[in-house]
Amino acid sequence: MVKTGQGKSTVTLHQLIERILAAEQITPQEHLQLTSAMLADQQLTDEDRRQINRIFDQIQIGRLKIGN
């Protein structure tokens, strides 16, 4: 589970990934959550890991924007 903004709600990592890919935008907080999930070596599925890498790749090539 991933806490979003000031503990208002809890979403799964998979839901967060799907929302980011659909919106083609990521907030700085969401970026931090995904980075932390990768670095903390959480029990990520191969699919979640691939999707997170896809998000990071899209940020690097400018297809996904970081903003509020």
PDB file of N, CA and C in Angstrom:
ATOM      1  N   MET A   1       0.830  -1.183   0.000  1.00  0.00           N
ATOM      2  CA  MET A   1       0.000   0.000   0.000  1.00  0.00           C
ATOM      3  C   MET A   1       0.876   1.248   0.000  1.00  0.00           C
ATOM      4  N   VAL A   2       0.364   2.288  -0.620  1.00  0.00           N
ATOM      5  CA  VAL A   2       1.087   3.545  -0.719  1.00  0.00           C
ATOM      6  C   VAL A   2       0.202   4.641  -0.152  1.00  0.00           C
ATOM      7  N   LYS A   3       0.741   5.414   0.773  1.00  0.00           N
ATOM      8  CA  LYS A   3      -0.015   6.553   1.302  1.00  0.00           C
ATOM      9  C   LYS A   3       0.125   7.700   0.325  1.00  0.00           C
ATOM     10  N   THR A   4      -0.971   8.365   0.071  1.00  0.00           N
ATOM     11  CA  THR A   4      -0.938   9.525  -0.799  1.00  0.00           C
ATOM     12  C   THR A   4      -1.202  10.763   0.028  1.00  0.00           C
ATOM     13  N   GLY A   5      -0.612  11.869  -0.363  1.00  0.00           N
ATOM     14  CA  GLY A   5      -0.741  13.160   0.281  1.00  0.00           C
ATOM     15  C   GLY A   5      -1.279  13.176   1.697  1.00  0.00           C
ATOM     16  N   GLN A   6      -0.580  13.602   2.636  1.00  0.00           N
ATOM     17  CA  GLN A   6      -0.942  13.808   4.028  1.00  0.00           C
ATOM     18  C   GLN A   6      -1.834  12.717   4.607  1.00  0.00           C
ATOM     19  N   GLY A   7      -1.670  11.475   4.178  1.00  0.00           N
ATOM     20  CA  GLY A   7      -2.397  10.363   4.754  1.00  0.00           C
ATOM     21  C   GLY A   7      -3.885  10.345   4.445  1.00  0.00           C
ATOM     22  N   LYS A   8      -4.325  11.081   3.430  1.00  0.00           N
ATOM     23  CA  LYS A   8      -5.744  11.172   3.119  1.00  0.00           C
ATOM     24  C   LYS A   8      -6.322   9.832   2.679  1.00  0.00           C
ATOM     25  N   SER A   9      -5.626   9.123   1.825  1.00  0.00           N
ATOM     26  CA  SER A   9      -6.138   7.843   1.355  1.00  0.00           C
ATOM     27  C   SER A   9      -4.969   6.913   1.080  1.00  0.00           C
ATOM     28  N   THR A  10      -5.308   5.654   0.949  1.00  0.00           N
ATOM     29  CA  THR A  10      -4.291   4.664   0.680  1.00  0.00           C
ATOM     30  C   THR A  10      -4.658   3.944  -0.609  1.00  0.00           C
ATOM     31  N   VAL A  11      -3.700   3.868  -1.526  1.00  0.00           N
ATOM     32  CA  VAL A  11      -3.913   3.160  -2.785  1.00  0.00           C
ATOM     33  C   VAL A  11      -2.810   2.135  -2.945  1.00  0.00           C
ATOM     34  N   THR A  12      -3.078   1.134  -3.744  1.00  0.00           N
ATOM     35  CA  THR A  12      -2.038   0.155  -4.006  1.00  0.00           C
ATOM     36  C   THR A  12      -1.040   0.744  -4.991  1.00  0.00           C
ATOM     37  N   LEU A  13       0.129   0.176  -5.005  1.00  0.00           N
ATOM     38  CA  LEU A  13       1.160   0.617  -5.940  1.00  0.00           C
ATOM     39  C   LEU A  13       0.664   0.450  -7.372  1.00  0.00           C
ATOM     40  N   HIS A  14      -0.019  -0.653  -7.627  1.00  0.00           N
ATOM     41  CA  HIS A  14      -0.546  -0.909  -8.971  1.00  0.00           C
ATOM     42  C   HIS A  14      -1.532   0.189  -9.384  1.00  0.00           C
ATOM     43  N   GLN A  15      -2.411   0.613  -8.471  1.00  0.00           N
ATOM     44  CA  GLN A  15      -3.366   1.680  -8.772  1.00  0.00           C
ATOM     45  C   GLN A  15      -2.644   2.994  -9.059  1.00  0.00           C
ATOM     46  N   LEU A  16      -1.597   3.273  -8.301  1.00  0.00           N
ATOM     47  CA  LEU A  16      -0.813   4.486  -8.508  1.00  0.00           C
ATOM     48  C   LEU A  16      -0.167   4.479  -9.887  1.00  0.00           C
ATOM     49  N   ILE A  17       0.425   3.355 -10.254  1.00  0.00           N
ATOM     50  CA  ILE A  17       1.066   3.222 -11.563  1.00  0.00           C
ATOM     51  C   ILE A  17       0.049   3.431 -12.679  1.00  0.00           C
ATOM     52  N   GLU A  18      -1.109   2.797 -12.567  1.00  0.00           N
ATOM     53  CA  GLU A  18      -2.153   2.929 -13.589  1.00  0.00           C
ATOM     54  C   GLU A  18      -2.617   4.373 -13.726  1.00  0.00           C
ATOM     55  N   ARG A  19      -2.777   5.081 -12.600  1.00  0.00           N
ATOM     56  CA  ARG A  19      -3.217   6.468 -12.648  1.00  0.00           C
ATOM     57  C   ARG A  19      -2.192   7.356 -13.345  1.00  0.00           C
ATOM     58  N   ILE A  20      -0.923   7.138 -13.030  1.00  0.00           N
ATOM     59  CA  ILE A  20       0.152   7.931 -13.627  1.00  0.00           C
ATOM     60  C   ILE A  20       0.206   7.707 -15.133  1.00  0.00           C
ATOM     61  N   LEU A  21       0.147   6.454 -15.556  1.00  0.00           N
ATOM     62  CA  LEU A  21       0.217   6.151 -16.984  1.00  0.00           C
ATOM     63  C   LEU A  21      -0.989   6.707 -17.736  1.00  0.00           C
ATOM     64  N   ALA A  22      -2.164   6.665 -17.126  1.00  0.00           N
ATOM     65  CA  ALA A  22      -3.369   7.184 -17.774  1.00  0.00           C
ATOM     66  C   ALA A  22      -3.331   8.706 -17.882  1.00  0.00           C
ATOM     67  N   ALA A  23      -2.842   9.373 -16.836  1.00  0.00           N
ATOM     68  CA  ALA A  23      -2.823  10.839 -16.799  1.00  0.00           C
ATOM     69  C   ALA A  23      -1.645  11.434 -17.561  1.00  0.00           C
ATOM     70  N   GLU A  24      -0.624  10.625 -17.822  1.00  0.00           N
ATOM     71  CA  GLU A  24       0.612  11.089 -18.461  1.00  0.00           C
ATOM     72  C   GLU A  24       1.245  12.237 -17.684  1.00  0.00           C
ATOM     73  N   GLN A  25       1.071  12.206 -16.370  1.00  0.00           N
ATOM     74  CA  GLN A  25       1.649  13.213 -15.482  1.00  0.00           C
ATOM     75  C   GLN A  25       1.861  12.576 -14.117  1.00  0.00           C
ATOM     76  N   ILE A  26       2.908  13.016 -13.435  1.00  0.00           N
ATOM     77  CA  ILE A  26       3.240  12.484 -12.120  1.00  0.00           C
ATOM     78  C   ILE A  26       3.584  13.643 -11.204  1.00  0.00           C
ATOM     79  N   THR A  27       3.137  13.571  -9.967  1.00  0.00           N
ATOM     80  CA  THR A  27       3.485  14.621  -9.007  1.00  0.00           C
ATOM     81  C   THR A  27       4.855  14.299  -8.411  1.00  0.00           C
ATOM     82  N   PRO A  28       5.520  15.301  -7.864  1.00  0.00           N
ATOM     83  CA  PRO A  28       6.798  15.022  -7.200  1.00  0.00           C
ATOM     84  C   PRO A  28       6.654  13.991  -6.078  1.00  0.00           C
ATOM     85  N   GLN A  29       5.539  14.023  -5.360  1.00  0.00           N
ATOM     86  CA  GLN A  29       5.315  13.066  -4.277  1.00  0.00           C
ATOM     87  C   GLN A  29       5.178  11.641  -4.822  1.00  0.00           C
ATOM     88  N   GLU A  30       4.467  11.490  -5.931  1.00  0.00           N
ATOM     89  CA  GLU A  30       4.313  10.165  -6.544  1.00  0.00           C
ATOM     90  C   GLU A  30       5.652   9.656  -7.059  1.00  0.00           C
ATOM     91  N   HIS A  31       6.449  10.567  -7.633  1.00  0.00           N
ATOM     92  CA  HIS A  31       7.780  10.190  -8.112  1.00  0.00           C
ATOM     93  C   HIS A  31       8.616   9.668  -6.951  1.00  0.00           C
ATOM     94  N   LEU A  32       8.548  10.359  -5.820  1.00  0.00           N
ATOM     95  CA  LEU A  32       9.275   9.932  -4.629  1.00  0.00           C
ATOM     96  C   LEU A  32       8.783   8.569  -4.141  1.00  0.00           C
ATOM     97  N   GLN A  33       7.477   8.346  -4.174  1.00  0.00           N
ATOM     98  CA  GLN A  33       6.913   7.064  -3.745  1.00  0.00           C
ATOM     99  C   GLN A  33       7.415   5.919  -4.623  1.00  0.00           C
ATOM    100  N   LEU A  34       7.441   6.139  -5.941  1.00  0.00           N
ATOM    101  CA  LEU A  34       7.913   5.089  -6.849  1.00  0.00           C
ATOM    102  C   LEU A  34       9.409   4.844  -6.666  1.00  0.00           C
ATOM    103  N   THR A  35      10.172   5.924  -6.522  1.00  0.00           N
ATOM    104  CA  THR A  35      11.610   5.791  -6.300  1.00  0.00           C
ATOM    105  C   THR A  35      11.876   5.034  -5.007  1.00  0.00           C
ATOM    106  N   SER A  36      11.154   5.389  -3.957  1.00  0.00           N
ATOM    107  CA  SER A  36      11.322   4.713  -2.667  1.00  0.00           C
ATOM    108  C   SER A  36      10.960   3.238  -2.760  1.00  0.00           C
ATOM    109  N   ALA A  37       9.905   2.928  -3.487  1.00  0.00           N
ATOM    110  CA  ALA A  37       9.490   1.528  -3.642  1.00  0.00           C
ATOM    111  C   ALA A  37      10.585   0.718  -4.322  1.00  0.00           C
ATOM    112  N   MET A  38      11.209   1.299  -5.342  1.00  0.00           N
ATOM    113  CA  MET A  38      12.277   0.588  -6.056  1.00  0.00           C
ATOM    114  C   MET A  38      13.511   0.434  -5.167  1.00  0.00           C
ATOM    115  N   LEU A  39      13.902   1.501  -4.487  1.00  0.00           N
ATOM    116  CA  LEU A  39      15.125   1.470  -3.689  1.00  0.00           C
ATOM    117  C   LEU A  39      14.974   0.676  -2.399  1.00  0.00           C
ATOM    118  N   ALA A  40      13.766   0.615  -1.859  1.00  0.00           N
ATOM    119  CA  ALA A  40      13.530  -0.116  -0.614  1.00  0.00           C
ATOM    120  C   ALA A  40      13.432  -1.613  -0.864  1.00  0.00           C
ATOM    121  N   ASP A  41      13.524  -2.007  -2.117  1.00  0.00           N
ATOM    122  CA  ASP A  41      13.444  -3.417  -2.498  1.00  0.00           C
ATOM    123  C   ASP A  41      12.180  -4.059  -1.931  1.00  0.00           C
ATOM    124  N   GLN A  42      11.075  -3.306  -2.057  1.00  0.00           N
ATOM    125  CA  GLN A  42       9.786  -3.857  -1.638  1.00  0.00           C
ATOM    126  C   GLN A  42       9.488  -5.085  -2.476  1.00  0.00           C
ATOM    127  N   GLN A  43       8.557  -5.865  -2.039  1.00  0.00           N
ATOM    128  CA  GLN A  43       8.185  -7.055  -2.787  1.00  0.00           C
ATOM    129  C   GLN A  43       7.351  -6.629  -3.991  1.00  0.00           C
ATOM    130  N   LEU A  44       8.030  -6.162  -5.028  1.00  0.00           N
ATOM    131  CA  LEU A  44       7.365  -5.738  -6.250  1.00  0.00           C
ATOM    132  C   LEU A  44       7.258  -6.919  -7.201  1.00  0.00           C
ATOM    133  N   THR A  45       6.148  -6.968  -7.907  1.00  0.00           N
ATOM    134  CA  THR A  45       6.038  -7.987  -8.944  1.00  0.00           C
ATOM    135  C   THR A  45       6.907  -7.549 -10.118  1.00  0.00           C
ATOM    136  N   ASP A  46       7.247  -8.487 -10.973  1.00  0.00           N
ATOM    137  CA  ASP A  46       8.021  -8.138 -12.167  1.00  0.00           C
ATOM    138  C   ASP A  46       7.266  -7.119 -13.007  1.00  0.00           C
ATOM    139  N   GLU A  47       5.946  -7.269 -13.088  1.00  0.00           N
ATOM    140  CA  GLU A  47       5.131  -6.338 -13.870  1.00  0.00           C
ATOM    141  C   GLU A  47       5.168  -4.936 -13.270  1.00  0.00           C
ATOM    142  N   ASP A  48       5.031  -4.810 -11.954  1.00  0.00           N
ATOM    143  CA  ASP A  48       5.101  -3.491 -11.317  1.00  0.00           C
ATOM    144  C   ASP A  48       6.472  -2.862 -11.541  1.00  0.00           C
ATOM    145  N   ARG A  49       7.524  -3.645 -11.421  1.00  0.00           N
ATOM    146  CA  ARG A  49       8.884  -3.143 -11.639  1.00  0.00           C
ATOM    147  C   ARG A  49       9.047  -2.649 -13.085  1.00  0.00           C
ATOM    148  N   ARG A  50       8.514  -3.407 -14.037  1.00  0.00           N
ATOM    149  CA  ARG A  50       8.576  -2.990 -15.450  1.00  0.00           C
ATOM    150  C   ARG A  50       7.805  -1.691 -15.667  1.00  0.00           C
ATOM    151  N   GLN A  51       6.623  -1.590 -15.050  1.00  0.00           N
ATOM    152  CA  GLN A  51       5.804  -0.391 -15.221  1.00  0.00           C
ATOM    153  C   GLN A  51       6.478   0.836 -14.599  1.00  0.00           C
ATOM    154  N   ILE A  52       7.094   0.665 -13.441  1.00  0.00           N
ATOM    155  CA  ILE A  52       7.816   1.775 -12.811  1.00  0.00           C
ATOM    156  C   ILE A  52       8.984   2.200 -13.693  1.00  0.00           C
ATOM    157  N   ASN A  53       9.723   1.249 -14.229  1.00  0.00           N
ATOM    158  CA  ASN A  53      10.819   1.584 -15.143  1.00  0.00           C
ATOM    159  C   ASN A  53      10.294   2.288 -16.385  1.00  0.00           C
ATOM    160  N   ARG A  54       9.133   1.870 -16.868  1.00  0.00           N
ATOM    161  CA  ARG A  54       8.506   2.522 -18.024  1.00  0.00           C
ATOM    162  C   ARG A  54       8.191   3.981 -17.695  1.00  0.00           C
ATOM    163  N   ILE A  55       7.668   4.227 -16.494  1.00  0.00           N
ATOM    164  CA  ILE A  55       7.372   5.596 -16.065  1.00  0.00           C
ATOM    165  C   ILE A  55       8.653   6.425 -16.029  1.00  0.00           C
ATOM    166  N   PHE A  56       9.715   5.894 -15.431  1.00  0.00           N
ATOM    167  CA  PHE A  56      10.980   6.625 -15.361  1.00  0.00           C
ATOM    168  C   PHE A  56      11.547   6.885 -16.762  1.00  0.00           C
ATOM    169  N   ASP A  57      11.437   5.917 -17.660  1.00  0.00           N
ATOM    170  CA  ASP A  57      11.891   6.105 -19.041  1.00  0.00           C
ATOM    171  C   ASP A  57      11.102   7.221 -19.720  1.00  0.00           C
ATOM    172  N   GLN A  58       9.782   7.241 -19.517  1.00  0.00           N
ATOM    173  CA  GLN A  58       8.953   8.264 -20.147  1.00  0.00           C
ATOM    174  C   GLN A  58       9.250   9.656 -19.591  1.00  0.00           C
ATOM    175  N   ILE A  59       9.617   9.734 -18.327  1.00  0.00           N
ATOM    176  CA  ILE A  59      10.035  11.025 -17.757  1.00  0.00           C
ATOM    177  C   ILE A  59      11.313  11.492 -18.452  1.00  0.00           C
ATOM    178  N   GLN A  60      12.270  10.579 -18.619  1.00  0.00           N
ATOM    179  CA  GLN A  60      13.559  10.946 -19.222  1.00  0.00           C
ATOM    180  C   GLN A  60      13.413  11.446 -20.650  1.00  0.00           C
ATOM    181  N   ILE A  61      12.495  10.859 -21.420  1.00  0.00           N
ATOM    182  CA  ILE A  61      12.358  11.277 -22.817  1.00  0.00           C
ATOM    183  C   ILE A  61      11.323  12.385 -22.997  1.00  0.00           C
ATOM    184  N   GLY A  62      10.731  12.846 -21.887  1.00  0.00           N
ATOM    185  CA  GLY A  62       9.824  13.982 -21.946  1.00  0.00           C
ATOM    186  C   GLY A  62       8.380  13.656 -22.269  1.00  0.00           C
ATOM    187  N   ARG A  63       8.008  12.402 -22.276  1.00  0.00           N
ATOM    188  CA  ARG A  63       6.621  12.027 -22.565  1.00  0.00           C
ATOM    189  C   ARG A  63       5.733  12.080 -21.331  1.00  0.00           C
ATOM    190  N   LEU A  64       6.342  12.087 -20.174  1.00  0.00           N
ATOM    191  CA  LEU A  64       5.598  12.143 -18.916  1.00  0.00           C
ATOM    192  C   LEU A  64       6.123  13.349 -18.153  1.00  0.00           C
ATOM    193  N   LYS A  65       5.225  14.202 -17.731  1.00  0.00           N
ATOM    194  CA  LYS A  65       5.604  15.442 -17.057  1.00  0.00           C
ATOM    195  C   LYS A  65       5.507  15.300 -15.546  1.00  0.00           C
ATOM    196  N   ILE A  66       6.443  15.930 -14.851  1.00  0.00           N
ATOM    197  CA  ILE A  66       6.386  15.997 -13.394  1.00  0.00           C
ATOM    198  C   ILE A  66       5.791  17.349 -13.032  1.00  0.00           C
ATOM    199  N   GLY A  67       4.709  17.335 -12.302  1.00  0.00           N
ATOM    200  CA  GLY A  67       4.061  18.575 -11.893  1.00  0.00           C
ATOM    201  C   GLY A  67       2.970  18.295 -10.892  1.00  0.00           C
ATOM    202  N   ASN A  68       2.376  19.347 -10.385  1.00  0.00           N
ATOM    203  CA  ASN A  68       1.309  19.184  -9.387  1.00  0.00           C
ATOM    204  C   ASN A  68      -0.033  19.111 -10.025  1.00  0.00           C
TER     205      ASN A  68
END
